[in-house]
Each structure stands twice: as C-alpha cells, then as structure tokens.
C-alpha atoms as a PDB file:
ATOM      1  CA  MET A   1       9.845  28.271  28.317  1.00  0.00           C
ATOM      2  CA  GLU A   2       8.468  26.087  25.343  1.00  0.00           C
ATOM      3  CA  LYS A   3      10.853  23.979  23.300  1.00  0.00           C
ATOM      4  CA  ASN A   4      11.110  24.516  19.743  1.00  0.00           C
ATOM      5  CA  PRO A   5      10.054  20.865  18.286  1.00  0.00           C
ATOM      6  CA  PHE A   6      13.161  20.517  16.359  1.00  0.00           C
ATOM      7  CA  GLU A   7      16.048  21.841  18.276  1.00  0.00           C
ATOM      8  CA  ASN A   8      16.640  18.172  19.868  1.00  0.00           C
ATOM      9  CA  LEU A   9      17.081  17.124  16.388  1.00  0.00           C
ATOM     10  CA  ARG A  10      20.778  16.518  15.652  1.00  0.00           C
ATOM     11  CA  HIS A  11      20.492  17.689  12.175  1.00  0.00           C
ATOM     12  CA  VAL A  12      19.060  20.929  12.368  1.00  0.00           C
ATOM     13  CA  ILE A  13      21.451  23.784  11.572  1.00  0.00           C
ATOM     14  CA  LYS A  14      21.037  27.606  11.574  1.00  0.00           C
ATOM     15  CA  LEU A  15      20.958  29.567   8.389  1.00  0.00           C
ATOM     16  CA  GLU A  16      22.280  32.762   7.441  1.00  0.00           C
ATOM     17  CA  GLU A  17      18.850  34.279   6.681  1.00  0.00           C
ATOM     18  CA  VAL A  18      16.531  35.835   9.064  1.00  0.00           C
ATOM     19  CA  CYS A  19      12.964  35.980   9.706  1.00  0.00           C
ATOM     20  CA  PRO A  20      11.318  38.907   8.493  1.00  0.00           C
ATOM     21  CA  VAL A  21       8.820  38.763  11.471  1.00  0.00           C
ATOM     22  CA  HIS A  22      10.793  38.119  14.313  1.00  0.00           C
ATOM     23  CA  ASN A  23      14.518  39.044  13.490  1.00  0.00           C
ATOM     24  CA  VAL A  24      15.927  35.433  14.274  1.00  0.00           C
ATOM     25  CA  HIS A  25      18.082  33.341  11.972  1.00  0.00           C
ATOM     26  CA  LEU A  26      16.222  30.622  10.266  1.00  0.00           C
ATOM     27  CA  GLN A  27      16.998  26.923  10.662  1.00  0.00           C
ATOM     28  CA  GLN A  28      16.654  23.846   8.503  1.00  0.00           C
ATOM     29  CA  LEU A  29      16.745  20.214   8.971  1.00  0.00           C
ATOM     30  CA  ASN A  30      20.169  18.999   7.025  1.00  0.00           C
ATOM     31  CA  LYS A  31      19.206  15.843   6.125  1.00  0.00           C
ATOM     32  CA  VAL A  32      17.155  14.356   3.170  1.00  0.00           C
ATOM     33  CA  VAL A  33      13.589  13.114   3.958  1.00  0.00           C
ATOM     34  CA  VAL A  34      10.594  11.699   2.634  1.00  0.00           C
ATOM     35  CA  ILE A  35       7.784  14.674   2.358  1.00  0.00           C
ATOM     36  CA  ALA A  36       4.150  13.626   2.769  1.00  0.00           C
ATOM     37  CA  GLY A  37       2.649  13.724  -0.702  1.00  0.00           C
ATOM     38  CA  GLU A  38       5.973  13.919  -2.686  1.00  0.00           C
ATOM     39  CA  ASP A  39       7.703  11.376  -4.681  1.00  0.00           C
ATOM     40  CA  LYS A  40      11.409  12.457  -4.416  1.00  0.00           C
ATOM     41  CA  PRO A  41      13.167  12.909  -1.335  1.00  0.00           C
ATOM     42  CA  ARG A  42      14.467  16.191  -0.309  1.00  0.00           C
ATOM     43  CA  LYS A  43      15.549  18.965   2.642  1.00  0.00           C
ATOM     44  CA  PRO A  44      12.292  20.525   4.292  1.00  0.00           C
ATOM     45  CA  ALA A  45      11.958  23.996   3.541  1.00  0.00           C
ATOM     46  CA  PRO A  46      13.812  26.514   5.961  1.00  0.00           C
ATOM     47  CA  TYR A  47      11.647  27.529   8.639  1.00  0.00           C
ATOM     48  CA  CYS A  48      11.237  30.466  11.611  1.00  0.00           C
ATOM     49  CA  PRO A  49      11.456  28.738  14.913  1.00  0.00           C
ATOM     50  CA  GLU A  50       9.205  31.466  16.577  1.00  0.00           C
ATOM     51  CA  CYS A  51       6.615  31.053  13.548  1.00  0.00           C
ATOM     52  CA  ALA A  52       6.632  27.515  14.223  1.00  0.00           C
ATOM     53  CA  LYS A  53       6.034  28.124  17.902  1.00  0.00           C
ATOM     54  CA  GLU A  54       3.078  30.375  16.762  1.00  0.00           C
ATOM     55  CA  GLU A  55       1.892  27.917  14.760  1.00  0.00           C
ATOM     56  CA  ILE A  56       1.867  25.420  17.046  1.00  0.00           C
ATOM     57  CA  ALA A  57      -0.097  27.359  19.360  1.00  0.00           C
ATOM     58  CA  GLN A  58      -2.746  28.336  16.761  1.00  0.00           C
ATOM     59  CA  LYS A  59      -3.277  24.578  16.043  1.00  0.00           C
ATOM     60  CA  SER A  60      -3.576  23.616  19.550  1.00  0.00           C
ATOM     61  CA  GLN A  61      -6.317  26.936  20.033  1.00  0.00           C
ATOM     62  CA  SER A  62      -7.793  25.144  16.879  1.00  0.00           C
ATOM     63  CA  GLU A  63      -8.192  22.205  18.264  1.00  0.00           C
ATOM     64  CA  LEU A  64      -9.629  23.424  21.310  1.00  0.00           C
ATOM     65  CA  GLU A  65     -11.858  25.506  19.379  1.00  0.00           C
ATOM     66  CA  LYS A  66     -13.116  22.476  17.331  1.00  0.00           C
ATOM     67  CA  LEU A  67     -13.996  20.653  20.823  1.00  0.00           C
ATOM     68  CA  LYS A  68     -15.701  23.417  22.110  1.00  0.00           C
ATOM     69  CA  ASN A  69     -18.148  23.820  18.980  1.00  0.00           C
ATOM     70  CA  LYS A  70     -18.732  19.685  18.927  1.00  0.00           C
ATOM     71  CA  GLU A  71     -20.049  20.164  22.533  1.00  0.00           C
ATOM     72  CA  LEU A  72     -22.202  23.296  21.740  1.00  0.00           C
ATOM     73  CA  TYR A  73     -23.684  21.363  19.170  1.00  0.00           C
ATOM     74  CA  ALA A  74     -24.341  18.407  21.027  1.00  0.00           C
ATOM     75  CA  ASN A  75     -26.621  20.267  23.419  1.00  0.00           C
ATOM     76  CA  THR A  76     -28.207  22.411  20.714  1.00  0.00           C
ATOM     77  CA  TYR A  77     -28.459  21.747  16.755  1.00  0.00           C
ATOM     78  CA  ASN A  78     -27.765  17.953  16.914  1.00  0.00           C
ATOM     79  CA  VAL A  79     -30.618  17.727  19.761  1.00  0.00           C
ATOM     80  CA  LEU A  80     -33.651  17.692  16.791  1.00  0.00           C
ATOM     81  CA  GLU A  81     -31.963  14.767  15.016  1.00  0.00           C
ATOM     82  CA  ARG A  82     -30.732  12.681  18.161  1.00  0.00           C
ATOM     83  CA  ASP A  83     -33.792  13.090  20.755  1.00  0.00           C
ATOM     84  CA  SER A  84     -36.451  13.493  18.483  1.00  0.00           C
ATOM     85  CA  THR A  85     -39.276  11.017  17.927  1.00  0.00           C
ATOM     86  CA  ILE A  86     -39.748  11.840  14.119  1.00  0.00           C
ATOM     87  CA  PRO A  87     -41.894   8.645  12.340  1.00  0.00           C
ATOM     88  CA  LYS A  88     -39.991   7.229   9.861  1.00  0.00           C
ATOM     89  CA  GLU A  89     -42.417   8.161   7.330  1.00  0.00           C
ATOM     90  CA  LEU A  90     -41.903  11.832   8.093  1.00  0.00           C
ATOM     91  CA  LYS A  91     -37.906  11.711   8.491  1.00  0.00           C
ATOM     92  CA  THR A  92     -37.430  13.888   5.146  1.00  0.00           C
ATOM     93  CA  ALA A  93     -40.892  16.138   5.785  1.00  0.00           C
ATOM     94  CA  THR A  94     -40.233  19.974   4.748  1.00  0.00           C
ATOM     95  CA  PHE A  95     -42.099  22.513   3.944  1.00  0.00           C
ATOM     96  CA  ASP A  96     -40.891  22.069   0.299  1.00  0.00           C
ATOM     97  CA  THR A  97     -42.501  18.233   0.318  1.00  0.00           C
ATOM     98  CA  PHE A  98     -45.801  19.413   1.877  1.00  0.00           C
ATOM     99  CA  ILE A  99     -48.439  19.419  -0.628  1.00  0.00           C
ATOM    100  CA  ALA A 100     -50.682  22.181  -0.587  1.00  0.00           C
ATOM    101  CA  ASN A 101     -53.654  21.909  -3.146  1.00  0.00           C
ATOM    102  CA  THR A 102     -56.385  23.974  -1.642  1.00  0.00           C
ATOM    103  CA  PRO A 103     -56.732  27.083  -0.350  1.00  0.00           C
ATOM    104  CA  GLU A 104     -56.782  25.821   3.119  1.00  0.00           C
ATOM    105  CA  GLU A 105     -53.875  23.922   2.730  1.00  0.00           C
ATOM    106  CA  ARG A 106     -51.801  27.141   1.283  1.00  0.00           C
ATOM    107  CA  GLN A 107     -53.447  28.784   3.885  1.00  0.00           C
ATOM    108  CA  LEU A 108     -51.622  26.353   6.739  1.00  0.00           C
ATOM    109  CA  LEU A 109     -48.289  26.000   4.942  1.00  0.00           C
ATOM    110  CA  ALA A 110     -47.701  29.708   4.940  1.00  0.00           C
ATOM    111  CA  PHE A 111     -48.825  30.009   8.674  1.00  0.00           C
ATOM    112  CA  ALA A 112     -46.097  27.161   9.375  1.00  0.00           C
ATOM    113  CA  LYS A 113     -43.470  29.077   7.389  1.00  0.00           C
ATOM    114  CA  GLN A 114     -44.686  32.794   9.630  1.00  0.00           C
ATOM    115  CA  GLN A 115     -44.357  30.726  12.801  1.00  0.00           C
ATOM    116  CA  ALA A 116     -40.824  29.468  11.853  1.00  0.00           C
ATOM    117  CA  ASP A 117     -39.743  32.975  11.253  1.00  0.00           C
ATOM    118  CA  LYS A 118     -41.306  34.533  14.095  1.00  0.00           C
ATOM    119  CA  TYR A 119     -39.186  32.348  16.134  1.00  0.00           C
ATOM    120  CA  LEU A 120     -35.940  33.106  14.101  1.00  0.00           C
ATOM    121  CA  SER A 121     -36.947  36.997  14.660  1.00  0.00           C
ATOM    122  CA  GLY A 122     -36.641  36.329  18.676  1.00  0.00           C
ATOM    123  CA  MET A 123     -40.615  36.018  19.215  1.00  0.00           C
ATOM    124  CA  VAL A 124     -41.498  34.184  22.600  1.00  0.00           C
ATOM    125  CA  GLY A 125     -44.451  32.181  23.212  1.00  0.00           C
ATOM    126  CA  ASN A 126     -46.585  29.340  22.092  1.00  0.00           C
ATOM    127  CA  THR A 127     -48.130  27.972  18.731  1.00  0.00           C
ATOM    128  CA  LEU A 128     -51.139  25.900  18.467  1.00  0.00           C
ATOM    129  CA  ILE A 129     -52.469  24.132  14.773  1.00  0.00           C
ATOM    130  CA  THR A 130     -55.505  22.361  15.649  1.00  0.00           C
ATOM    131  CA  GLY A 131     -57.381  19.978  12.965  1.00  0.00           C
ATOM    132  CA  GLY A 132     -58.708  16.511  12.170  1.00  0.00           C
ATOM    133  CA  THR A 133     -56.291  13.468  11.377  1.00  0.00           C
ATOM    134  CA  GLY A 134     -54.177  13.591   8.134  1.00  0.00           C
ATOM    135  CA  ILE A 135     -54.280  16.895   7.123  1.00  0.00           C
ATOM    136  CA  GLY A 136     -50.422  17.485   7.619  1.00  0.00           C
ATOM    137  CA  LYS A 137     -49.859  18.704  11.357  1.00  0.00           C
ATOM    138  CA  SER A 138     -47.441  16.692  11.997  1.00  0.00           C
ATOM    139  CA  HIS A 139     -45.735  16.978   8.403  1.00  0.00           C
ATOM    140  CA  LEU A 140     -45.527  21.061   9.243  1.00  0.00           C
ATOM    141  CA  SER A 141     -44.662  20.947  12.911  1.00  0.00           C
ATOM    142  CA  ILE A 142     -41.448  18.822  11.935  1.00  0.00           C
ATOM    143  CA  SER A 143     -40.815  21.347   9.022  1.00  0.00           C
ATOM    144  CA  ILE A 144     -41.173  24.468  11.700  1.00  0.00           C
ATOM    145  CA  ALA A 145     -38.082  22.558  13.999  1.00  0.00           C
ATOM    146  CA  LYS A 146     -36.200  21.785  11.148  1.00  0.00           C
ATOM    147  CA  ALA A 147     -36.566  25.280   9.751  1.00  0.00           C
ATOM    148  CA  ILE A 148     -35.816  26.962  13.154  1.00  0.00           C
ATOM    149  CA  ASN A 149     -32.585  24.268  13.491  1.00  0.00           C
ATOM    150  CA  GLU A 150     -31.199  25.403  10.549  1.00  0.00           C
ATOM    151  CA  GLY A 151     -31.957  28.660  10.660  1.00  0.00           C
ATOM    152  CA  TYR A 152     -29.928  29.264  14.093  1.00  0.00           C
ATOM    153  CA  ARG A 153     -27.250  27.296  12.833  1.00  0.00           C
ATOM    154  CA  ALA A 154     -27.019  29.792   9.930  1.00  0.00           C
ATOM    155  CA  LYS A 155     -26.950  32.555  12.080  1.00  0.00           C
ATOM    156  CA  ASN A 156     -24.404  31.030  14.340  1.00  0.00           C
ATOM    157  CA  GLU A 157     -26.231  30.638  17.205  1.00  0.00           C
ATOM    158  CA  PRO A 158     -27.589  27.029  17.249  1.00  0.00           C
ATOM    159  CA  LYS A 159     -30.471  25.891  19.382  1.00  0.00           C
ATOM    160  CA  SER A 160     -31.802  23.328  20.497  1.00  0.00           C
ATOM    161  CA  VAL A 161     -34.919  21.864  18.975  1.00  0.00           C
ATOM    162  CA  LEU A 162     -37.008  19.279  20.167  1.00  0.00           C
ATOM    163  CA  PHE A 163     -39.708  16.995  18.163  1.00  0.00           C
ATOM    164  CA  ILE A 164     -41.823  14.968  20.851  1.00  0.00           C
ATOM    165  CA  SER A 165     -44.428  12.551  20.952  1.00  0.00           C
ATOM    166  CA  LEU A 166     -46.480  13.004  24.514  1.00  0.00           C
ATOM    167  CA  THR A 167     -47.658   9.637  24.053  1.00  0.00           C
ATOM    168  CA  GLU A 168     -44.906   8.010  23.058  1.00  0.00           C
ATOM    169  CA  ILE A 169     -42.761   9.721  26.452  1.00  0.00           C
ATOM    170  CA  ILE A 170     -45.468   8.821  28.818  1.00  0.00           C
ATOM    171  CA  LYS A 171     -45.369   5.331  27.446  1.00  0.00           C
ATOM    172  CA  GLU A 172     -41.828   4.605  27.685  1.00  0.00           C
ATOM    173  CA  ILE A 173     -42.399   6.386  31.347  1.00  0.00           C
ATOM    174  CA  LYS A 174     -44.730   3.818  32.186  1.00  0.00           C
ATOM    175  CA  GLU A 175     -42.658   1.083  30.591  1.00  0.00           C
ATOM    176  CA  GLY A 176     -40.064   1.581  33.378  1.00  0.00           C
ATOM    177  CA  TRP A 177     -42.617   1.508  36.350  1.00  0.00           C
ATOM    178  CA  ASN A 178     -43.303  -2.287  35.117  1.00  0.00           C
ATOM    179  CA  TYR A 179     -39.322  -2.993  34.152  1.00  0.00           C
ATOM    180  CA  GLY A 180     -37.718  -0.772  37.105  1.00  0.00           C
ATOM    181  CA  ARG A 181     -34.119  -0.652  36.390  1.00  0.00           C
ATOM    182  CA  GLY A 182     -34.519  -1.183  32.844  1.00  0.00           C
ATOM    183  CA  ALA A 183     -36.536   1.651  31.980  1.00  0.00           C
ATOM    184  CA  LYS A 184     -34.901   3.605  29.120  1.00  0.00           C
ATOM    185  CA  LEU A 185     -36.631   7.098  30.533  1.00  0.00           C
ATOM    186  CA  THR A 186     -37.312   7.745  33.724  1.00  0.00           C
ATOM    187  CA  GLU A 187     -39.837  10.889  34.755  1.00  0.00           C
ATOM    188  CA  ALA A 188     -37.538  13.253  35.675  1.00  0.00           C
ATOM    189  CA  GLU A 189     -35.552  12.568  32.631  1.00  0.00           C
ATOM    190  CA  ALA A 190     -38.326  13.430  30.642  1.00  0.00           C
ATOM    191  CA  VAL A 191     -39.196  16.349  32.248  1.00  0.00           C
ATOM    192  CA  LYS A 192     -35.429  17.546  31.743  1.00  0.00           C
ATOM    193  CA  LEU A 193     -35.354  16.897  28.343  1.00  0.00           C
ATOM    194  CA  LEU A 194     -38.660  18.430  27.324  1.00  0.00           C
ATOM    195  CA  THR A 195     -38.172  21.573  29.630  1.00  0.00           C
ATOM    196  CA  GLU A 196     -34.607  22.163  28.589  1.00  0.00           C
ATOM    197  CA  ALA A 197     -35.144  22.571  24.680  1.00  0.00           C
ATOM    198  CA  ASP A 198     -35.076  25.886  23.502  1.00  0.00           C
ATOM    199  CA  TYR A 199     -38.032  25.138  21.267  1.00  0.00           C
ATOM    200  CA  LEU A 200     -40.744  21.688  22.214  1.00  0.00           C
ATOM    201  CA  ILE A 201     -42.805  20.687  19.539  1.00  0.00           C
ATOM    202  CA  LEU A 202     -45.412  18.631  21.153  1.00  0.00           C
ATOM    203  CA  ASP A 203     -46.861  16.245  18.628  1.00  0.00           C
ATOM    204  CA  ASP A 204     -50.730  15.002  18.700  1.00  0.00           C
ATOM    205  CA  LEU A 205     -51.474  16.561  22.100  1.00  0.00           C
ATOM    206  CA  GLY A 206     -54.161  14.661  23.836  1.00  0.00           C
ATOM    207  CA  ALA A 207     -54.144  11.990  21.044  1.00  0.00           C
ATOM    208  CA  LYS A 208     -58.181  10.645  20.642  1.00  0.00           C
ATOM    209  CA  ASN A 209     -58.483   7.525  21.642  1.00  0.00           C
ATOM    210  CA  ALA A 210     -61.597   5.544  21.171  1.00  0.00           C
ATOM    211  CA  THR A 211     -63.090   6.627  24.537  1.00  0.00           C
ATOM    212  CA  LEU A 212     -62.560  10.251  25.430  1.00  0.00           C
ATOM    213  CA  ASN A 213     -61.839  10.611  29.119  1.00  0.00           C
ATOM    214  CA  PRO A 214     -59.575  13.306  31.453  1.00  0.00           C
ATOM    215  CA  LYS A 215     -55.970  12.728  31.405  1.00  0.00           C
ATOM    216  CA  SER A 216     -55.091  11.350  34.828  1.00  0.00           C
ATOM    217  CA  ASP A 217     -53.639  13.373  37.566  1.00  0.00           C
ATOM    218  CA  TRP A 218     -50.279  12.277  37.019  1.00  0.00           C
ATOM    219  CA  GLU A 219     -50.278  12.900  33.239  1.00  0.00           C
ATOM    220  CA  GLN A 220     -52.009  16.598  34.117  1.00  0.00           C
ATOM    221  CA  ASP A 221     -49.236  17.210  36.528  1.00  0.00           C
ATOM    222  CA  PHE A 222     -46.465  15.588  33.853  1.00  0.00           C
ATOM    223  CA  LEU A 223     -47.872  18.251  31.073  1.00  0.00           C
ATOM    224  CA  PHE A 224     -47.910  21.297  33.365  1.00  0.00           C
ATOM    225  CA  ASP A 225     -44.204  20.356  34.885  1.00  0.00           C
ATOM    226  CA  ILE A 226     -43.274  20.834  31.307  1.00  0.00           C
ATOM    227  CA  LEU A 227     -45.528  23.572  30.341  1.00  0.00           C
ATOM    228  CA  ASN A 228     -44.841  25.816  33.239  1.00  0.00           C
ATOM    229  CA  ASN A 229     -41.490  25.879  32.862  1.00  0.00           C
ATOM    230  CA  ARG A 230     -41.347  26.738  29.203  1.00  0.00           C
ATOM    231  CA  GLU A 231     -41.304  29.668  27.110  1.00  0.00           C
ATOM    232  CA  ASN A 232     -41.549  28.629  23.457  1.00  0.00           C
ATOM    233  CA  THR A 233     -43.489  25.242  22.704  1.00  0.00           C
ATOM    234  CA  ILE A 234     -45.391  24.556  19.183  1.00  0.00           C
ATOM    235  CA  ILE A 235     -48.519  22.325  20.015  1.00  0.00           C
ATOM    236  CA  ASN A 236     -50.447  20.446  17.430  1.00  0.00           C
ATOM    237  CA  THR A 237     -53.525  18.406  18.365  1.00  0.00           C
ATOM    238  CA  ASN A 238     -56.809  16.404  16.782  1.00  0.00           C
ATOM    239  CA  LEU A 239     -58.799  16.942  19.511  1.00  0.00           C
ATOM    240  CA  SER A 240     -61.935  19.767  19.128  1.00  0.00           C
ATOM    241  CA  GLY A 241     -62.222  22.751  21.475  1.00  0.00           C
ATOM    242  CA  SER A 242     -64.916  20.835  23.623  1.00  0.00           C
ATOM    243  CA  GLU A 243     -62.378  17.545  23.459  1.00  0.00           C
ATOM    244  CA  LEU A 244     -59.543  19.540  24.613  1.00  0.00           C
ATOM    245  CA  SER A 245     -61.238  20.969  27.376  1.00  0.00           C
ATOM    246  CA  LYS A 246     -62.608  17.869  28.944  1.00  0.00           C
ATOM    247  CA  VAL A 247     -59.098  16.249  28.359  1.00  0.00           C
ATOM    248  CA  TYR A 248     -57.017  18.920  29.950  1.00  0.00           C
ATOM    249  CA  ASN A 249     -57.470  20.698  33.463  1.00  0.00           C
ATOM    250  CA  GLU A 250     -57.614  24.332  34.023  1.00  0.00           C
ATOM    251  CA  ARG A 251     -54.060  24.699  34.981  1.00  0.00           C
ATOM    252  CA  ASN A 252     -52.574  23.048  31.470  1.00  0.00           C
ATOM    253  CA  ALA A 253     -55.536  25.282  29.714  1.00  0.00           C
ATOM    254  CA  SER A 254     -53.853  28.557  31.129  1.00  0.00           C
ATOM    255  CA  ARG A 255     -49.981  27.295  29.804  1.00  0.00           C
ATOM    256  CA  ILE A 256     -51.380  26.219  26.449  1.00  0.00           C
ATOM    257  CA  LEU A 257     -52.632  29.359  25.834  1.00  0.00           C
ATOM    258  CA  LYS A 258     -49.251  31.294  26.993  1.00  0.00           C
ATOM    259  CA  GLY A 259     -48.638  33.621  24.273  1.00  0.00           C
ATOM    260  CA  LEU A 260     -50.690  32.795  21.412  1.00  0.00           C
ATOM    261  CA  GLU A 261     -52.562  35.763  20.420  1.00  0.00           C
ATOM    262  CA  GLY A 262     -51.532  35.757  16.670  1.00  0.00           C
ATOM    263  CA  ASN A 263     -50.094  32.428  16.528  1.00  0.00           C
ATOM    264  CA  THR A 264     -52.956  30.075  16.515  1.00  0.00           C
ATOM    265  CA  PHE A 265     -53.859  27.975  13.179  1.00  0.00           C
ATOM    266  CA  LYS A 266     -57.896  26.176  12.800  1.00  0.00           C
ATOM    267  CA  ALA A 267     -57.915  23.875   9.906  1.00  0.00           C
ATOM    268  CA  LEU A 268     -61.904  22.729  10.247  1.00  0.00           C
ATOM    269  CA  GLY A 269     -63.010  24.041   6.931  1.00  0.00           C
ATOM    270  CA  ILE A 270     -63.429  27.656   8.368  1.00  0.00           C
ATOM    271  CA  LYS A 271     -62.692  30.914   6.318  1.00  0.00           C
ATOM    272  CA  ASP A 272     -60.930  32.368   9.508  1.00  0.00           C
ATOM    273  CA  LYS A 273     -58.146  30.050  10.851  1.00  0.00           C
ATOM    274  CA  ARG A 274     -56.835  32.375  13.036  1.00  0.00           C
ATOM    275  CA  TYR A 275     -57.927  33.396  16.563  1.00  0.00           C
ATOM    276  CA  SER A 276     -58.192  36.335  19.359  1.00  0.00           C
ATOM    277  CA  ILE A 277     -57.059  34.592  22.838  1.00  0.00           C
ATOM    278  CA  ARG A 278     -61.165  35.710  23.768  1.00  0.00           C
ATOM    279  CA  SER A 279     -61.928  33.402  20.928  1.00  0.00           C
ATOM    280  CA  LEU A 280     -59.389  30.855  21.758  1.00  0.00           C
ATOM    281  CA  LYS A 281     -60.775  30.678  25.648  1.00  0.00           C
ATOM    282  CA  GLU A 282     -64.364  30.792  24.603  1.00  0.00           C
ATOM    283  CA  ASP A 283     -63.666  28.005  21.868  1.00  0.00           C
ATOM    284  CA  PHE A 284     -61.253  25.380  23.764  1.00  0.00           C
ATOM    285  CA  PHE A 285     -61.501  26.511  27.344  1.00  0.00           C
ATOM    286  CA  PRO A 286     -64.705  27.712  28.110  1.00  0.00           C
ATOM    287  CA  PHE A 287     -64.502  27.251  32.116  1.00  0.00           C
ATOM    288  CA  LEU A 288     -61.483  29.944  31.844  1.00  0.00           C
ATOM    289  CA  GLU A 289     -64.640  32.455  30.522  1.00  0.00           C
ATOM    290  CA  SER A 290     -66.862  31.285  32.905  1.00  0.00           C
ATOM    291  CA  LYS A 291     -64.934  32.393  35.941  1.00  0.00           C
ATOM    292  CA  LYS A 292     -65.209  35.781  34.983  1.00  0.00           C
END
C-alpha cells in the first residue's frame, strides 16, 4: 500500500474538515516552516492525503511522458539539426529568405513550397530538382526539409527529416577505410541513417567534377541500397540529363524516378519546368526507353 508522504512526520495532525472529493479528514503540518517564495514562515495549508497521493502519481506520469517525448523527438524532429550536413552559409535558409526576382525563380520557389505541402498531406514518392549551380537548389531543398519538419511537429506527428550531401557521406566512409577504427562513419551506419529517415534530402546528387565519369560499382551499390529501401526522397542535382545517365546505372535510374510524376522541376531556362514520367525518361535516362 502506498504511503502518505507526510505520515511519518511527528507534527502532522488530523483536522475536523473533510475532503469533499475523498470524504477523508484533511491533515496539516502543525509547525511553522519557510514556504518557498514567501518571506514569512507559516504553517502549510491543510491537505487531503488522498489528493496528495493522486498529485504524486500525476507528477510521476507527467515525468514519464516527458521522457517518452524526449526519446520520440530524439528519433524524429531533432534529426534534421543533429544529423544533417547543412553548410554553415545555409543554416538559416528558409522559403522566406529565398530571393526570387525572375519569373523562373518564382516558379521554382512555388514548386518547392508545393512539394513541402504535398508531403505534409501524405504524398509518397520522390521529388527531383535539376538545374545549374547557384540557382538556389540547396537553399530550397533545406527549406523543404525545415517546412516538413516543423509541419509535422505542429501536427503533433513528428517525423525524421535528414538533409545530406552524398558526396560528404561517401568521403567520410572512405576516410574510415584509411583510418580503420578511427572512422567517423561506417558504411553500415550510413545506410542505416539514410534509409531510416522518414524524409531524405540528397543534396547535389552526382556532383559534377572536372571529368565526368560513371560512379564506381561501390558507389552505385551504396546509392541503390539507400534508394531501394526508401519511399520519400528529395533530390537536387546540377547534372544535365545526358550527364546523369552517364553517372548512374539503370538500377539507380529507376529508383530515382520512383513516384516522380508531377514532382519534378527543371530550371534550365525553359518555360515548362514540370515533366511527365515519359519525358523524364527520355531526357534523363534514354536507355530505359530504348528497351521498350
């Protein structure tokens, strides 16, 4: 049986007054003490022992809920800030800070906002943004990530959102090959991190180097392991269609295209930025069409 927290105090007395809720006599500490936040010592107010027990139980439950929420947020809402590889210069990037002066920039901004809204409404599938360097693809990808993260938090349904530069992740893994146990990130850890996030943003996929070459078999397999086990991935790249088809193999091409109908934007100075799946295949992965 649970004990009254004050029952062992010698100065606790029973009063004639009865608790209207539990129909038991109130008790009081018959001693002048210093009450927190008050200047003059006095006797504490009378209390119902049953009410006191319930209050203690409620506080315990409240503390338990806080711990549960802390764990929940550690695995969801906090992932974006804690585990992402967001460049310092883009830490404050939002839709509001994106400067859209031209019609094309305004269309790109509107598309990014639309995609965030779609995901918050339960859309499943990938998003692809293509275009040259410096047009704000990373800025808007981060903005999408933040909008999804805050949106689900506001709905009290926190999700894990992760913004990653695949180039940086691969670099960390390869450094581990050289330094062995001093590795910051193993391949298995990276795959787990990138596949478990509810929403993954891959920044600058297949970043263009001085010489454009197909990715190694290991990098192809690494990307496939990620994309093949995901449903919602937002991808941006500065590679053209022909370049992207040279860099990635057919297996990865099909995974990149997953759920892209109506969810693509090509910022290359053309009027119609949105693609159908057919035009995407023709433009980016012609070898898929040639098999038909």
